[in-house]
C-alpha atoms as a PDB file:
ATOM      1  CA  MET A   1     -13.121 -12.968 -11.839  1.00  0.00           C
ATOM      2  CA  PRO A   2      -9.842 -11.596 -10.242  1.00  0.00           C
ATOM      3  CA  ALA A   3      -6.704 -13.182 -11.427  1.00  0.00           C
ATOM      4  CA  LEU A   4      -4.554 -15.525  -9.384  1.00  0.00           C
ATOM      5  CA  ARG A   5      -1.010 -15.935 -10.460  1.00  0.00           C
ATOM      6  CA  PRO A   6       2.320 -16.303  -8.875  1.00  0.00           C
ATOM      7  CA  HIS A   7       3.993 -12.806  -8.513  1.00  0.00           C
ATOM      8  CA  PRO A   8       6.783 -12.144 -11.168  1.00  0.00           C
ATOM      9  CA  PHE A   9       9.357 -10.931  -8.668  1.00  0.00           C
ATOM     10  CA  ALA A  10       8.797 -13.585  -5.972  1.00  0.00           C
ATOM     11  CA  ALA A  11      12.494 -14.510  -5.630  1.00  0.00           C
ATOM     12  CA  TRP A  12      13.660 -10.719  -5.674  1.00  0.00           C
ATOM     13  CA  ARG A  13      13.976  -9.289  -2.227  1.00  0.00           C
ATOM     14  CA  ASN A  14      13.326  -5.427  -1.659  1.00  0.00           C
ATOM     15  CA  PRO A  15      15.314  -4.439   1.529  1.00  0.00           C
ATOM     16  CA  LEU A  16      13.148  -1.199   1.795  1.00  0.00           C
ATOM     17  CA  VAL A  17      10.114  -3.728   2.437  1.00  0.00           C
ATOM     18  CA  LEU A  18      11.925  -6.187   4.865  1.00  0.00           C
ATOM     19  CA  GLY A  19      11.206  -6.328   8.230  1.00  0.00           C
ATOM     20  CA  LEU A  20       7.215  -6.295   8.197  1.00  0.00           C
ATOM     21  CA  GLY A  21       7.191  -9.482   9.973  1.00  0.00           C
ATOM     22  CA  THR A  22       4.309 -11.861  10.406  1.00  0.00           C
ATOM     23  CA  VAL A  23       0.814 -10.857   9.827  1.00  0.00           C
ATOM     24  CA  LEU A  24      -2.157 -12.654  10.833  1.00  0.00           C
ATOM     25  CA  LEU A  25      -4.276 -12.975   7.466  1.00  0.00           C
ATOM     26  CA  SER A  26      -7.428 -14.769   8.148  1.00  0.00           C
ATOM     27  CA  ALA A  27      -9.338 -16.910  10.896  1.00  0.00           C
ATOM     28  CA  ARG A  28      -7.074 -19.787  10.193  1.00  0.00           C
ATOM     29  CA  ALA A  29      -4.000 -17.493  11.122  1.00  0.00           C
ATOM     30  CA  LEU A  30      -2.161 -17.899   7.779  1.00  0.00           C
ATOM     31  CA  ALA A  31       1.262 -16.348   8.543  1.00  0.00           C
ATOM     32  CA  GLY A  32       3.146 -14.256   6.144  1.00  0.00           C
ATOM     33  CA  GLU A  33       3.480 -10.783   4.736  1.00  0.00           C
ATOM     34  CA  LEU A  34       0.437  -9.244   3.550  1.00  0.00           C
ATOM     35  CA  ILE A  35       0.536  -6.152   1.512  1.00  0.00           C
ATOM     36  CA  VAL A  36      -2.523  -4.517  -0.294  1.00  0.00           C
ATOM     37  CA  VAL A  37      -2.208  -1.987  -2.927  1.00  0.00           C
ATOM     38  CA  THR A  38      -5.042   0.258  -3.868  1.00  0.00           C
ATOM     39  CA  ASP A  39      -5.981   3.992  -4.119  1.00  0.00           C
ATOM     40  CA  SER A  40      -8.812   6.110  -2.357  1.00  0.00           C
ATOM     41  CA  ARG A  41     -11.152   5.331  -5.376  1.00  0.00           C
ATOM     42  CA  ARG A  42     -10.925   1.525  -4.772  1.00  0.00           C
ATOM     43  CA  PRO A  43     -11.634   0.960  -1.018  1.00  0.00           C
ATOM     44  CA  VAL A  44     -10.695  -2.539   0.401  1.00  0.00           C
ATOM     45  CA  GLN A  45     -11.662  -4.684   3.286  1.00  0.00           C
ATOM     46  CA  ALA A  46      -8.400  -5.406   4.890  1.00  0.00           C
ATOM     47  CA  PRO A  47      -7.316  -7.039   8.120  1.00  0.00           C
ATOM     48  CA  PRO A  48      -6.019  -4.594  10.789  1.00  0.00           C
ATOM     49  CA  HIS A  49      -2.321  -6.022  10.542  1.00  0.00           C
ATOM     50  CA  ALA A  50      -2.193  -5.656   6.658  1.00  0.00           C
ATOM     51  CA  ARG A  51       0.006  -3.296   5.147  1.00  0.00           C
ATOM     52  CA  VAL A  52      -2.436  -1.204   2.784  1.00  0.00           C
ATOM     53  CA  ILE A  53      -0.637   1.125   0.415  1.00  0.00           C
ATOM     54  CA  GLU A  54      -2.743   3.716  -1.430  1.00  0.00           C
ATOM     55  CA  LEU A  55      -0.952   4.994  -4.486  1.00  0.00           C
ATOM     56  CA  ASP A  56      -2.738   8.266  -4.365  1.00  0.00           C
ATOM     57  CA  GLY A  57      -1.471   9.005  -0.817  1.00  0.00           C
ATOM     58  CA  PRO A  58       1.172  11.327  -1.683  1.00  0.00           C
ATOM     59  CA  ALA A  59      -1.130  13.410  -4.034  1.00  0.00           C
ATOM     60  CA  ARG A  60      -3.644  13.762  -1.247  1.00  0.00           C
ATOM     61  CA  ILE A  61      -1.110  14.929   1.250  1.00  0.00           C
ATOM     62  CA  GLU A  62       0.086  17.563  -1.619  1.00  0.00           C
ATOM     63  CA  ALA A  63      -3.660  18.699  -1.836  1.00  0.00           C
ATOM     64  CA  GLU A  64      -3.937  19.401   1.804  1.00  0.00           C
ATOM     65  CA  LEU A  65      -0.794  21.306   1.990  1.00  0.00           C
ATOM     66  CA  ALA A  66      -1.872  23.335  -1.382  1.00  0.00           C
ATOM     67  CA  ALA A  67      -5.364  23.969  -0.119  1.00  0.00           C
ATOM     68  CA  ASN A  68      -6.492  27.628  -0.462  1.00  0.00           C
ATOM     69  CA  LEU A  69      -2.971  29.098  -1.061  1.00  0.00           C
ATOM     70  CA  PRO A  70      -2.820  32.677  -1.849  1.00  0.00           C
ATOM     71  CA  ALA A  71      -2.166  33.753  -5.495  1.00  0.00           C
ATOM     72  CA  GLY A  72       1.356  35.083  -5.069  1.00  0.00           C
ATOM     73  CA  PRO A  73       4.224  32.583  -5.313  1.00  0.00           C
ATOM     74  CA  GLY A  74       5.985  34.097  -2.356  1.00  0.00           C
ATOM     75  CA  GLU A  75       3.029  34.113  -0.163  1.00  0.00           C
ATOM     76  CA  ALA A  76       1.962  30.663  -1.295  1.00  0.00           C
ATOM     77  CA  ALA A  77       5.311  29.396  -0.505  1.00  0.00           C
ATOM     78  CA  ALA A  78       5.485  30.816   3.091  1.00  0.00           C
ATOM     79  CA  VAL A  79       1.981  29.351   3.809  1.00  0.00           C
ATOM     80  CA  VAL A  80       3.336  25.820   2.759  1.00  0.00           C
ATOM     81  CA  ARG A  81       6.123  26.197   4.787  1.00  0.00           C
ATOM     82  CA  ARG A  82       4.117  27.142   7.865  1.00  0.00           C
ATOM     83  CA  ARG A  83       1.856  24.022   7.362  1.00  0.00           C
ATOM     84  CA  LEU A  84       5.011  21.877   6.945  1.00  0.00           C
ATOM     85  CA  LYS A  85       6.329  23.197  10.257  1.00  0.00           C
ATOM     86  CA  ALA A  86       2.833  23.264  12.027  1.00  0.00           C
ATOM     87  CA  GLY A  87       2.467  19.285  10.946  1.00  0.00           C
ATOM     88  CA  GLY A  88       5.835  18.530  12.407  1.00  0.00           C
ATOM     89  CA  THR A  89       7.314  15.302  12.661  1.00  0.00           C
ATOM     90  CA  ALA A  90       3.919  13.381  12.141  1.00  0.00           C
ATOM     91  CA  LEU A  91       3.394  15.299   8.795  1.00  0.00           C
ATOM     92  CA  GLN A  92       6.961  14.286   7.750  1.00  0.00           C
ATOM     93  CA  GLN A  93       6.307  10.965   8.772  1.00  0.00           C
ATOM     94  CA  ARG A  94       2.982  10.789   6.713  1.00  0.00           C
ATOM     95  CA  ILE A  95       4.862  12.074   3.562  1.00  0.00           C
ATOM     96  CA  GLY A  96       7.586   9.577   4.004  1.00  0.00           C
ATOM     97  CA  ALA A  97       5.473   6.657   4.480  1.00  0.00           C
ATOM     98  CA  ALA A  98       3.283   7.730   1.492  1.00  0.00           C
ATOM     99  CA  TYR A  99       6.128   7.823  -0.994  1.00  0.00           C
ATOM    100  CA  GLN A 100       7.756   4.915   0.546  1.00  0.00           C
ATOM    101  CA  GLY A 101       4.549   2.866  -0.240  1.00  0.00           C
ATOM    102  CA  VAL A 102       4.502   3.993  -3.729  1.00  0.00           C
ATOM    103  CA  ALA A 103       8.138   2.970  -4.178  1.00  0.00           C
ATOM    104  CA  ASP A 104       7.296  -0.480  -2.839  1.00  0.00           C
ATOM    105  CA  ALA A 105       4.218  -1.036  -4.948  1.00  0.00           C
ATOM    106  CA  TRP A 106       6.543  -0.279  -7.934  1.00  0.00           C
ATOM    107  CA  SER A 107       9.071  -2.548  -6.722  1.00  0.00           C
ATOM    108  CA  LEU A 108       6.243  -5.483  -6.216  1.00  0.00           C
ATOM    109  CA  GLY A 109       5.564  -4.853  -9.893  1.00  0.00           C
ATOM    110  CA  VAL A 110       1.822  -4.251  -9.120  1.00  0.00           C
ATOM    111  CA  THR A 111       0.009  -3.860 -12.562  1.00  0.00           C
ATOM    112  CA  THR A 112      -3.887  -3.657 -11.339  1.00  0.00           C
ATOM    113  CA  LEU A 113      -5.526  -2.245  -8.316  1.00  0.00           C
ATOM    114  CA  PRO A 114      -6.606  -3.423  -6.013  1.00  0.00           C
ATOM    115  CA  ALA A 115      -3.781  -5.923  -5.584  1.00  0.00           C
ATOM    116  CA  VAL A 116      -3.161  -8.566  -2.672  1.00  0.00           C
ATOM    117  CA  VAL A 117       0.192  -9.709  -2.378  1.00  0.00           C
ATOM    118  CA  VAL A 118       1.217 -12.504   0.074  1.00  0.00           C
ATOM    119  CA  ASP A 119       4.816 -13.308   0.914  1.00  0.00           C
ATOM    120  CA  ARG A 120       5.936 -11.344  -2.164  1.00  0.00           C
ATOM    121  CA  ARG A 121       5.096 -14.597  -4.154  1.00  0.00           C
ATOM    122  CA  TYR A 122       1.377 -14.481  -4.890  1.00  0.00           C
ATOM    123  CA  VAL A 123      -0.873 -11.733  -5.984  1.00  0.00           C
ATOM    124  CA  VAL A 124      -4.568 -11.528  -6.613  1.00  0.00           C
ATOM    125  CA  TYR A 125      -5.878  -8.545  -8.665  1.00  0.00           C
ATOM    126  CA  GLY A 126      -9.047  -6.826  -8.742  1.00  0.00           C
ATOM    127  CA  GLU A 127     -10.629  -8.336  -5.511  1.00  0.00           C
ATOM    128  CA  PRO A 128     -11.290  -5.570  -2.701  1.00  0.00           C
ATOM    129  CA  ASP A 129     -12.110  -8.165  -0.162  1.00  0.00           C
ATOM    130  CA  VAL A 130      -8.672  -9.264   1.154  1.00  0.00           C
ATOM    131  CA  ALA A 131      -9.808 -12.153   2.959  1.00  0.00           C
ATOM    132  CA  LYS A 132     -11.418 -13.650  -0.081  1.00  0.00           C
ATOM    133  CA  SER A 133      -8.117 -13.185  -2.050  1.00  0.00           C
ATOM    134  CA  VAL A 134      -5.904 -14.684   0.974  1.00  0.00           C
ATOM    135  CA  ALA A 135      -8.404 -17.514   0.943  1.00  0.00           C
ATOM    136  CA  ARG A 136      -7.792 -18.198  -2.938  1.00  0.00           C
ATOM    137  CA  ILE A 137      -4.069 -17.989  -2.414  1.00  0.00           C
ATOM    138  CA  GLU A 138      -4.316 -20.620   0.591  1.00  0.00           C
ATOM    139  CA  THR A 139      -6.356 -22.868  -1.577  1.00  0.00           C
ATOM    140  CA  TYR A 140      -3.744 -22.424  -4.573  1.00  0.00           C
ATOM    141  CA  ARG A 141      -0.896 -23.107  -2.169  1.00  0.00           C
ATOM    142  CA  ARG A 142      -2.515 -26.183  -0.908  1.00  0.00           C
ATOM    143  CA  ALA A 143      -3.245 -27.557  -4.484  1.00  0.00           C
ATOM    144  CA  GLN A 144       0.402 -26.935  -5.147  1.00  0.00           C
ATOM    145  CA  ARG A 145       1.836 -29.112  -2.378  1.00  0.00           C
END
């Protein structure tokens, strides 16, 4: 059974993640910040407004850029530069968001995938169904009141 425990960095606020706002988590409209950390090998069922961080996102983008490169380093560098230019702002944003996600997951102290973090205070590890994780957290919160 997935573990439920208060997040070790609950009191610490990361300015890089602030501003995500209020997110609808379940049918009961539990308000709070919802971050799901996973990778492409561990798909999750997350609500549309959840922030999903895939830790292998940067590597997948790099693999796209490096696919079918010529053998010569000069030619390969030129191809990558063309691909970066062709990708434009959208590609730059994808790259930035992917690396920012990794940094944010690290700052949250995530130790196991998948991880469902609510309000930077509660985390459930190992449950791919985000709604189930959120329900467990809500049950725990109510019991603590």
